[in-house]
Amino acid sequence: MAPSTFCRFLGERTRAARESAGLSQAELARRAGVHRVTLGRIESGNGMPSAETVARIVRAIGPARSGPILAALAEGGSHGAS
């Protein structure tokens, strides 16, 4: 999967997980300890978040709601660079 395609895919999955958890961008950003603008960029597919940022977001959403994000990471990993 091309990096830009993966970023969009991860962003869509992050938004879905956040909405499933009933959180606003501002609330998730606060819980994850990231700037709301950073979270907005991730959700819109503009830029690749660090592993630490993804981990913070997953922890803030909670394991029960983080499935879409984890699935995106697994899917991206299975189509990584050759």
PDB file of N, CA and C in Angstrom:
ATOM      1  N   MET A   1       0.861  -1.170   0.000  1.00  0.00           N
ATOM      2  CA  MET A   1       0.000   0.000   0.000  1.00  0.00           C
ATOM      3  C   MET A   1       0.906   1.230   0.000  1.00  0.00           C
ATOM      4  N   ALA A   2       0.652   2.157  -0.889  1.00  0.00           N
ATOM      5  CA  ALA A   2       1.442   3.386  -0.956  1.00  0.00           C
ATOM      6  C   ALA A   2       1.279   4.179   0.338  1.00  0.00           C
ATOM      7  N   PRO A   3       2.326   4.899   0.769  1.00  0.00           N
ATOM      8  CA  PRO A   3       2.232   5.652   2.018  1.00  0.00           C
ATOM      9  C   PRO A   3       1.034   6.594   2.082  1.00  0.00           C
ATOM     10  N   SER A   4       0.751   7.323   1.003  1.00  0.00           N
ATOM     11  CA  SER A   4      -0.380   8.257   1.040  1.00  0.00           C
ATOM     12  C   SER A   4      -1.707   7.516   1.153  1.00  0.00           C
ATOM     13  N   THR A   5      -1.816   6.375   0.495  1.00  0.00           N
ATOM     14  CA  THR A   5      -3.027   5.560   0.594  1.00  0.00           C
ATOM     15  C   THR A   5      -3.182   5.028   2.008  1.00  0.00           C
ATOM     16  N   PHE A   6      -2.077   4.566   2.585  1.00  0.00           N
ATOM     17  CA  PHE A   6      -2.123   4.056   3.950  1.00  0.00           C
ATOM     18  C   PHE A   6      -2.515   5.155   4.934  1.00  0.00           C
ATOM     19  N   CYS A   7      -1.979   6.360   4.768  1.00  0.00           N
ATOM     20  CA  CYS A   7      -2.324   7.464   5.665  1.00  0.00           C
ATOM     21  C   CYS A   7      -3.818   7.764   5.616  1.00  0.00           C
ATOM     22  N   ARG A   8      -4.385   7.769   4.421  1.00  0.00           N
ATOM     23  CA  ARG A   8      -5.835   8.003   4.296  1.00  0.00           C
ATOM     24  C   ARG A   8      -6.617   6.874   4.961  1.00  0.00           C
ATOM     25  N   PHE A   9      -6.190   5.641   4.738  1.00  0.00           N
ATOM     26  CA  PHE A   9      -6.846   4.469   5.311  1.00  0.00           C
ATOM     27  C   PHE A   9      -6.778   4.514   6.837  1.00  0.00           C
ATOM     28  N   LEU A  10      -5.590   4.797   7.382  1.00  0.00           N
ATOM     29  CA  LEU A  10      -5.431   4.896   8.831  1.00  0.00           C
ATOM     30  C   LEU A  10      -6.286   6.030   9.380  1.00  0.00           C
ATOM     31  N   GLY A  11      -6.327   7.151   8.672  1.00  0.00           N
ATOM     32  CA  GLY A  11      -7.140   8.283   9.113  1.00  0.00           C
ATOM     33  C   GLY A  11      -8.618   7.954   9.170  1.00  0.00           C
ATOM     34  N   GLU A  12      -9.113   7.266   8.142  1.00  0.00           N
ATOM     35  CA  GLU A  12     -10.528   6.864   8.127  1.00  0.00           C
ATOM     36  C   GLU A  12     -10.829   5.939   9.295  1.00  0.00           C
ATOM     37  N   ARG A  13      -9.938   5.002   9.551  1.00  0.00           N
ATOM     38  CA  ARG A  13     -10.137   4.053  10.645  1.00  0.00           C
ATOM     39  C   ARG A  13     -10.039   4.735  12.007  1.00  0.00           C
ATOM     40  N   THR A  14      -9.156   5.705  12.122  1.00  0.00           N
ATOM     41  CA  THR A  14      -9.029   6.444  13.383  1.00  0.00           C
ATOM     42  C   THR A  14     -10.308   7.221  13.657  1.00  0.00           C
ATOM     43  N   ARG A  15     -10.832   7.887  12.639  1.00  0.00           N
ATOM     44  CA  ARG A  15     -12.085   8.634  12.799  1.00  0.00           C
ATOM     45  C   ARG A  15     -13.226   7.690  13.184  1.00  0.00           C
ATOM     46  N   ALA A  16     -13.306   6.536  12.529  1.00  0.00           N
ATOM     47  CA  ALA A  16     -14.367   5.574  12.837  1.00  0.00           C
ATOM     48  C   ALA A  16     -14.274   5.104  14.284  1.00  0.00           C
ATOM     49  N   ALA A  17     -13.071   4.827  14.752  1.00  0.00           N
ATOM     50  CA  ALA A  17     -12.892   4.374  16.135  1.00  0.00           C
ATOM     51  C   ALA A  17     -13.256   5.480  17.119  1.00  0.00           C
ATOM     52  N   ARG A  18     -12.850   6.710  16.815  1.00  0.00           N
ATOM     53  CA  ARG A  18     -13.170   7.845  17.690  1.00  0.00           C
ATOM     54  C   ARG A  18     -14.672   8.051  17.779  1.00  0.00           C
ATOM     55  N   GLU A  19     -15.335   8.028  16.627  1.00  0.00           N
ATOM     56  CA  GLU A  19     -16.780   8.228  16.612  1.00  0.00           C
ATOM     57  C   GLU A  19     -17.500   7.084  17.311  1.00  0.00           C
ATOM     58  N   SER A  20     -17.016   5.868  17.135  1.00  0.00           N
ATOM     59  CA  SER A  20     -17.600   4.710  17.807  1.00  0.00           C
ATOM     60  C   SER A  20     -17.500   4.847  19.325  1.00  0.00           C
ATOM     61  N   ALA A  21     -16.413   5.467  19.779  1.00  0.00           N
ATOM     62  CA  ALA A  21     -16.217   5.683  21.213  1.00  0.00           C
ATOM     63  C   ALA A  21     -16.994   6.899  21.718  1.00  0.00           C
ATOM     64  N   GLY A  22     -17.629   7.639  20.804  1.00  0.00           N
ATOM     65  CA  GLY A  22     -18.411   8.810  21.191  1.00  0.00           C
ATOM     66  C   GLY A  22     -17.561   9.992  21.632  1.00  0.00           C
ATOM     67  N   LEU A  23     -16.355  10.101  21.068  1.00  0.00           N
ATOM     68  CA  LEU A  23     -15.444  11.173  21.458  1.00  0.00           C
ATOM     69  C   LEU A  23     -15.338  12.226  20.364  1.00  0.00           C
ATOM     70  N   SER A  24     -15.218  13.476  20.774  1.00  0.00           N
ATOM     71  CA  SER A  24     -14.904  14.546  19.829  1.00  0.00           C
ATOM     72  C   SER A  24     -13.405  14.497  19.551  1.00  0.00           C
ATOM     73  N   GLN A  25     -12.992  15.177  18.492  1.00  0.00           N
ATOM     74  CA  GLN A  25     -11.553  15.276  18.228  1.00  0.00           C
ATOM     75  C   GLN A  25     -10.840  15.911  19.410  1.00  0.00           C
ATOM     76  N   ALA A  26     -11.422  16.957  19.959  1.00  0.00           N
ATOM     77  CA  ALA A  26     -10.784  17.663  21.072  1.00  0.00           C
ATOM     78  C   ALA A  26     -10.623  16.749  22.281  1.00  0.00           C
ATOM     79  N   GLU A  27     -11.648  15.968  22.596  1.00  0.00           N
ATOM     80  CA  GLU A  27     -11.579  15.081  23.758  1.00  0.00           C
ATOM     81  C   GLU A  27     -10.570  13.963  23.540  1.00  0.00           C
ATOM     82  N   LEU A  28     -10.565  13.355  22.362  1.00  0.00           N
ATOM     83  CA  LEU A  28      -9.584  12.301  22.101  1.00  0.00           C
ATOM     84  C   LEU A  28      -8.171  12.872  22.130  1.00  0.00           C
ATOM     85  N   ALA A  29      -7.967  14.026  21.535  1.00  0.00           N
ATOM     86  CA  ALA A  29      -6.640  14.646  21.550  1.00  0.00           C
ATOM     87  C   ALA A  29      -6.186  14.895  22.984  1.00  0.00           C
ATOM     88  N   ARG A  30      -7.077  15.390  23.817  1.00  0.00           N
ATOM     89  CA  ARG A  30      -6.741  15.645  25.223  1.00  0.00           C
ATOM     90  C   ARG A  30      -6.357  14.348  25.920  1.00  0.00           C
ATOM     91  N   ARG A  31      -7.175  13.312  25.755  1.00  0.00           N
ATOM     92  CA  ARG A  31      -6.905  12.024  26.406  1.00  0.00           C
ATOM     93  C   ARG A  31      -5.613  11.384  25.914  1.00  0.00           C
ATOM     94  N   ALA A  32      -5.319  11.573  24.630  1.00  0.00           N
ATOM     95  CA  ALA A  32      -4.126  10.961  24.038  1.00  0.00           C
ATOM     96  C   ALA A  32      -2.871  11.807  24.248  1.00  0.00           C
ATOM     97  N   GLY A  33      -3.046  13.048  24.664  1.00  0.00           N
ATOM     98  CA  GLY A  33      -1.898  13.922  24.863  1.00  0.00           C
ATOM     99  C   GLY A  33      -1.273  14.399  23.566  1.00  0.00           C
ATOM    100  N   VAL A  34      -2.124  14.586  22.544  1.00  0.00           N
ATOM    101  CA  VAL A  34      -1.648  15.125  21.268  1.00  0.00           C
ATOM    102  C   VAL A  34      -2.458  16.383  20.954  1.00  0.00           C
ATOM    103  N   HIS A  35      -1.938  17.219  20.088  1.00  0.00           N
ATOM    104  CA  HIS A  35      -2.679  18.418  19.685  1.00  0.00           C
ATOM    105  C   HIS A  35      -3.879  18.019  18.827  1.00  0.00           C
ATOM    106  N   ARG A  36      -4.976  18.765  18.969  1.00  0.00           N
ATOM    107  CA  ARG A  36      -6.160  18.489  18.168  1.00  0.00           C
ATOM    108  C   ARG A  36      -5.851  18.625  16.682  1.00  0.00           C
ATOM    109  N   VAL A  37      -5.000  19.584  16.329  1.00  0.00           N
ATOM    110  CA  VAL A  37      -4.619  19.763  14.926  1.00  0.00           C
ATOM    111  C   VAL A  37      -3.909  18.508  14.415  1.00  0.00           C
ATOM    112  N   THR A  38      -3.056  17.927  15.241  1.00  0.00           N
ATOM    113  CA  THR A  38      -2.360  16.693  14.863  1.00  0.00           C
ATOM    114  C   THR A  38      -3.365  15.585  14.605  1.00  0.00           C
ATOM    115  N   LEU A  39      -4.324  15.435  15.502  1.00  0.00           N
ATOM    116  CA  LEU A  39      -5.351  14.408  15.323  1.00  0.00           C
ATOM    117  C   LEU A  39      -6.159  14.675  14.057  1.00  0.00           C
ATOM    118  N   GLY A  40      -6.490  15.929  13.795  1.00  0.00           N
ATOM    119  CA  GLY A  40      -7.212  16.279  12.573  1.00  0.00           C
ATOM    120  C   GLY A  40      -6.437  15.911  11.320  1.00  0.00           C
ATOM    121  N   ARG A  41      -5.136  16.136  11.352  1.00  0.00           N
ATOM    122  CA  ARG A  41      -4.299  15.772  10.201  1.00  0.00           C
ATOM    123  C   ARG A  41      -4.267  14.261  10.002  1.00  0.00           C
ATOM    124  N   ILE A  42      -4.166  13.531  11.106  1.00  0.00           N
ATOM    125  CA  ILE A  42      -4.171  12.068  11.010  1.00  0.00           C
ATOM    126  C   ILE A  42      -5.484  11.601  10.397  1.00  0.00           C
ATOM    127  N   GLU A  43      -6.601  12.101  10.920  1.00  0.00           N
ATOM    128  CA  GLU A  43      -7.915  11.677  10.435  1.00  0.00           C
ATOM    129  C   GLU A  43      -8.148  12.059   8.979  1.00  0.00           C
ATOM    130  N   SER A  44      -7.542  13.135   8.519  1.00  0.00           N
ATOM    131  CA  SER A  44      -7.727  13.534   7.120  1.00  0.00           C
ATOM    132  C   SER A  44      -6.698  12.886   6.196  1.00  0.00           C
ATOM    133  N   GLY A  45      -5.807  12.071   6.765  1.00  0.00           N
ATOM    134  CA  GLY A  45      -4.829  11.355   5.951  1.00  0.00           C
ATOM    135  C   GLY A  45      -3.633  12.179   5.535  1.00  0.00           C
ATOM    136  N   ASN A  46      -3.407  13.293   6.219  1.00  0.00           N
ATOM    137  CA  ASN A  46      -2.283  14.180   5.889  1.00  0.00           C
ATOM    138  C   ASN A  46      -1.111  13.936   6.830  1.00  0.00           C
ATOM    139  N   GLY A  47      -0.278  13.013   6.479  1.00  0.00           N
ATOM    140  CA  GLY A  47       0.914  12.745   7.271  1.00  0.00           C
ATOM    141  C   GLY A  47       0.834  11.428   8.017  1.00  0.00           C
ATOM    142  N   MET A  48       1.995  10.836   8.215  1.00  0.00           N
ATOM    143  CA  MET A  48       2.119   9.556   8.895  1.00  0.00           C
ATOM    144  C   MET A  48       2.419   9.801  10.373  1.00  0.00           C
ATOM    145  N   PRO A  49       1.540   9.378  11.270  1.00  0.00           N
ATOM    146  CA  PRO A  49       1.815   9.556  12.694  1.00  0.00           C
ATOM    147  C   PRO A  49       2.914   8.599  13.147  1.00  0.00           C
ATOM    148  N   SER A  50       3.609   8.984  14.203  1.00  0.00           N
ATOM    149  CA  SER A  50       4.623   8.100  14.767  1.00  0.00           C
ATOM    150  C   SER A  50       3.938   6.924  15.461  1.00  0.00           C
ATOM    151  N   ALA A  51       4.694   5.883  15.703  1.00  0.00           N
ATOM    152  CA  ALA A  51       4.163   4.719  16.423  1.00  0.00           C
ATOM    153  C   ALA A  51       3.697   5.132  17.814  1.00  0.00           C
ATOM    154  N   GLU A  52       4.428   6.030  18.455  1.00  0.00           N
ATOM    155  CA  GLU A  52       4.051   6.503  19.790  1.00  0.00           C
ATOM    156  C   GLU A  52       2.709   7.234  19.749  1.00  0.00           C
ATOM    157  N   THR A  53       2.492   8.063  18.738  1.00  0.00           N
ATOM    158  CA  THR A  53       1.223   8.781  18.621  1.00  0.00           C
ATOM    159  C   THR A  53       0.073   7.809  18.405  1.00  0.00           C
ATOM    160  N   VAL A  54       0.260   6.828  17.545  1.00  0.00           N
ATOM    161  CA  VAL A  54      -0.786   5.823  17.319  1.00  0.00           C
ATOM    162  C   VAL A  54      -1.067   5.074  18.617  1.00  0.00           C
ATOM    163  N   ALA A  55      -0.024   4.706  19.353  1.00  0.00           N
ATOM    164  CA  ALA A  55      -0.209   3.993  20.620  1.00  0.00           C
ATOM    165  C   ALA A  55      -0.992   4.842  21.614  1.00  0.00           C
ATOM    166  N   ARG A  56      -0.703   6.125  21.675  1.00  0.00           N
ATOM    167  CA  ARG A  56      -1.438   7.019  22.582  1.00  0.00           C
ATOM    168  C   ARG A  56      -2.915   7.091  22.205  1.00  0.00           C
ATOM    169  N   ILE A  57      -3.182   7.180  20.918  1.00  0.00           N
ATOM    170  CA  ILE A  57      -4.568   7.252  20.448  1.00  0.00           C
ATOM    171  C   ILE A  57      -5.304   5.956  20.770  1.00  0.00           C
ATOM    172  N   VAL A  58      -4.659   4.826  20.512  1.00  0.00           N
ATOM    173  CA  VAL A  58      -5.278   3.526  20.805  1.00  0.00           C
ATOM    174  C   VAL A  58      -5.585   3.415  22.295  1.00  0.00           C
ATOM    175  N   ARG A  59      -4.636   3.788  23.150  1.00  0.00           N
ATOM    176  CA  ARG A  59      -4.871   3.722  24.602  1.00  0.00           C
ATOM    177  C   ARG A  59      -6.008   4.651  25.009  1.00  0.00           C
ATOM    178  N   ALA A  60      -6.063   5.838  24.414  1.00  0.00           N
ATOM    179  CA  ALA A  60      -7.093   6.811  24.779  1.00  0.00           C
ATOM    180  C   ALA A  60      -8.484   6.362  24.346  1.00  0.00           C
ATOM    181  N   ILE A  61      -8.583   5.705  23.207  1.00  0.00           N
ATOM    182  CA  ILE A  61      -9.878   5.209  22.733  1.00  0.00           C
ATOM    183  C   ILE A  61     -10.299   3.985  23.536  1.00  0.00           C
ATOM    184  N   GLY A  62      -9.334   3.168  23.895  1.00  0.00           N
ATOM    185  CA  GLY A  62      -9.609   1.948  24.649  1.00  0.00           C
ATOM    186  C   GLY A  62      -9.607   0.738  23.738  1.00  0.00           C
ATOM    187  N   PRO A  63      -9.242  -0.407  24.306  1.00  0.00           N
ATOM    188  CA  PRO A  63      -9.097  -1.615  23.491  1.00  0.00           C
ATOM    189  C   PRO A  63     -10.381  -2.065  22.801  1.00  0.00           C
ATOM    190  N   ALA A  64     -11.510  -1.856  23.432  1.00  0.00           N
ATOM    191  CA  ALA A  64     -12.772  -2.327  22.847  1.00  0.00           C
ATOM    192  C   ALA A  64     -13.143  -1.565  21.575  1.00  0.00           C
ATOM    193  N   ARG A  65     -12.679  -0.335  21.436  1.00  0.00           N
ATOM    194  CA  ARG A  65     -13.051   0.508  20.287  1.00  0.00           C
ATOM    195  C   ARG A  65     -11.907   0.724  19.299  1.00  0.00           C
ATOM    196  N   SER A  66     -10.734   0.187  19.587  1.00  0.00           N
ATOM    197  CA  SER A  66      -9.557   0.453  18.758  1.00  0.00           C
ATOM    198  C   SER A  66      -9.378  -0.518  17.603  1.00  0.00           C
ATOM    199  N   GLY A  67     -10.297  -1.447  17.441  1.00  0.00           N
ATOM    200  CA  GLY A  67     -10.186  -2.436  16.375  1.00  0.00           C
ATOM    201  C   GLY A  67      -9.951  -1.856  14.995  1.00  0.00           C
ATOM    202  N   PRO A  68     -10.679  -0.804  14.586  1.00  0.00           N
ATOM    203  CA  PRO A  68     -10.452  -0.253  13.247  1.00  0.00           C
ATOM    204  C   PRO A  68      -9.027   0.259  13.036  1.00  0.00           C
ATOM    205  N   ILE A  69      -8.443   0.848  14.075  1.00  0.00           N
ATOM    206  CA  ILE A  69      -7.074   1.355  13.950  1.00  0.00           C
ATOM    207  C   ILE A  69      -6.100   0.194  13.830  1.00  0.00           C
ATOM    208  N   LEU A  70      -6.268  -0.797  14.706  1.00  0.00           N
ATOM    209  CA  LEU A  70      -5.370  -1.949  14.680  1.00  0.00           C
ATOM    210  C   LEU A  70      -5.501  -2.712  13.367  1.00  0.00           C
ATOM    211  N   ALA A  71      -6.713  -2.809  12.841  1.00  0.00           N
ATOM    212  CA  ALA A  71      -6.912  -3.477  11.552  1.00  0.00           C
ATOM    213  C   ALA A  71      -6.207  -2.712  10.432  1.00  0.00           C
ATOM    214  N   ALA A  72      -6.255  -1.380  10.488  1.00  0.00           N
ATOM    215  CA  ALA A  72      -5.564  -0.573   9.475  1.00  0.00           C
ATOM    216  C   ALA A  72      -4.064  -0.809   9.533  1.00  0.00           C
ATOM    217  N   LEU A  73      -3.526  -0.893  10.741  1.00  0.00           N
ATOM    218  CA  LEU A  73      -2.090  -1.144  10.883  1.00  0.00           C
ATOM    219  C   LEU A  73      -1.725  -2.516  10.344  1.00  0.00           C
ATOM    220  N   ALA A  74      -2.550  -3.514  10.647  1.00  0.00           N
ATOM    221  CA  ALA A  74      -2.287  -4.866  10.149  1.00  0.00           C
ATOM    222  C   ALA A  74      -2.399  -4.912   8.628  1.00  0.00           C
ATOM    223  N   GLU A  75      -3.409  -4.262   8.089  1.00  0.00           N
ATOM    224  CA  GLU A  75      -3.605  -4.233   6.635  1.00  0.00           C
ATOM    225  C   GLU A  75      -2.450  -3.507   5.952  1.00  0.00           C
ATOM    226  N   GLY A  76      -2.042  -2.390   6.510  1.00  0.00           N
ATOM    227  CA  GLY A  76      -0.916  -1.646   5.946  1.00  0.00           C
ATOM    228  C   GLY A  76       0.368  -2.442   6.011  1.00  0.00           C
ATOM    229  N   GLY A  77       0.550  -3.173   7.093  1.00  0.00           N
ATOM    230  CA  GLY A  77       1.741  -3.996   7.244  1.00  0.00           C
ATOM    231  C   GLY A  77       1.788  -5.136   6.257  1.00  0.00           C
ATOM    232  N   SER A  78       0.623  -5.661   5.900  1.00  0.00           N
ATOM    233  CA  SER A  78       0.603  -6.779   4.960  1.00  0.00           C
ATOM    234  C   SER A  78       0.812  -6.320   3.523  1.00  0.00           C
ATOM    235  N   HIS A  79       0.723  -5.006   3.294  1.00  0.00           N
ATOM    236  CA  HIS A  79       0.948  -4.449   1.960  1.00  0.00           C
ATOM    237  C   HIS A  79       2.101  -3.462   1.973  1.00  0.00           C
ATOM    238  N   GLY A  80       3.018  -3.643   2.900  1.00  0.00           N
ATOM    239  CA  GLY A  80       4.135  -2.717   3.052  1.00  0.00           C
ATOM    240  C   GLY A  80       5.084  -2.760   1.873  1.00  0.00           C
ATOM    241  N   ALA A  81       6.186  -2.085   2.039  1.00  0.00           N
ATOM    242  CA  ALA A  81       7.191  -2.001   0.969  1.00  0.00           C
ATOM    243  C   ALA A  81       7.722  -3.370   0.616  1.00  0.00           C
ATOM    244  N   SER A  82       7.986  -3.592  -0.657  1.00  0.00           N
ATOM    245  CA  SER A  82       8.484  -4.879  -1.121  1.00  0.00           C
ATOM    246  C   SER A  82       9.980  -4.928  -1.021  1.00  0.00           C
TER     247      SER A  82
END
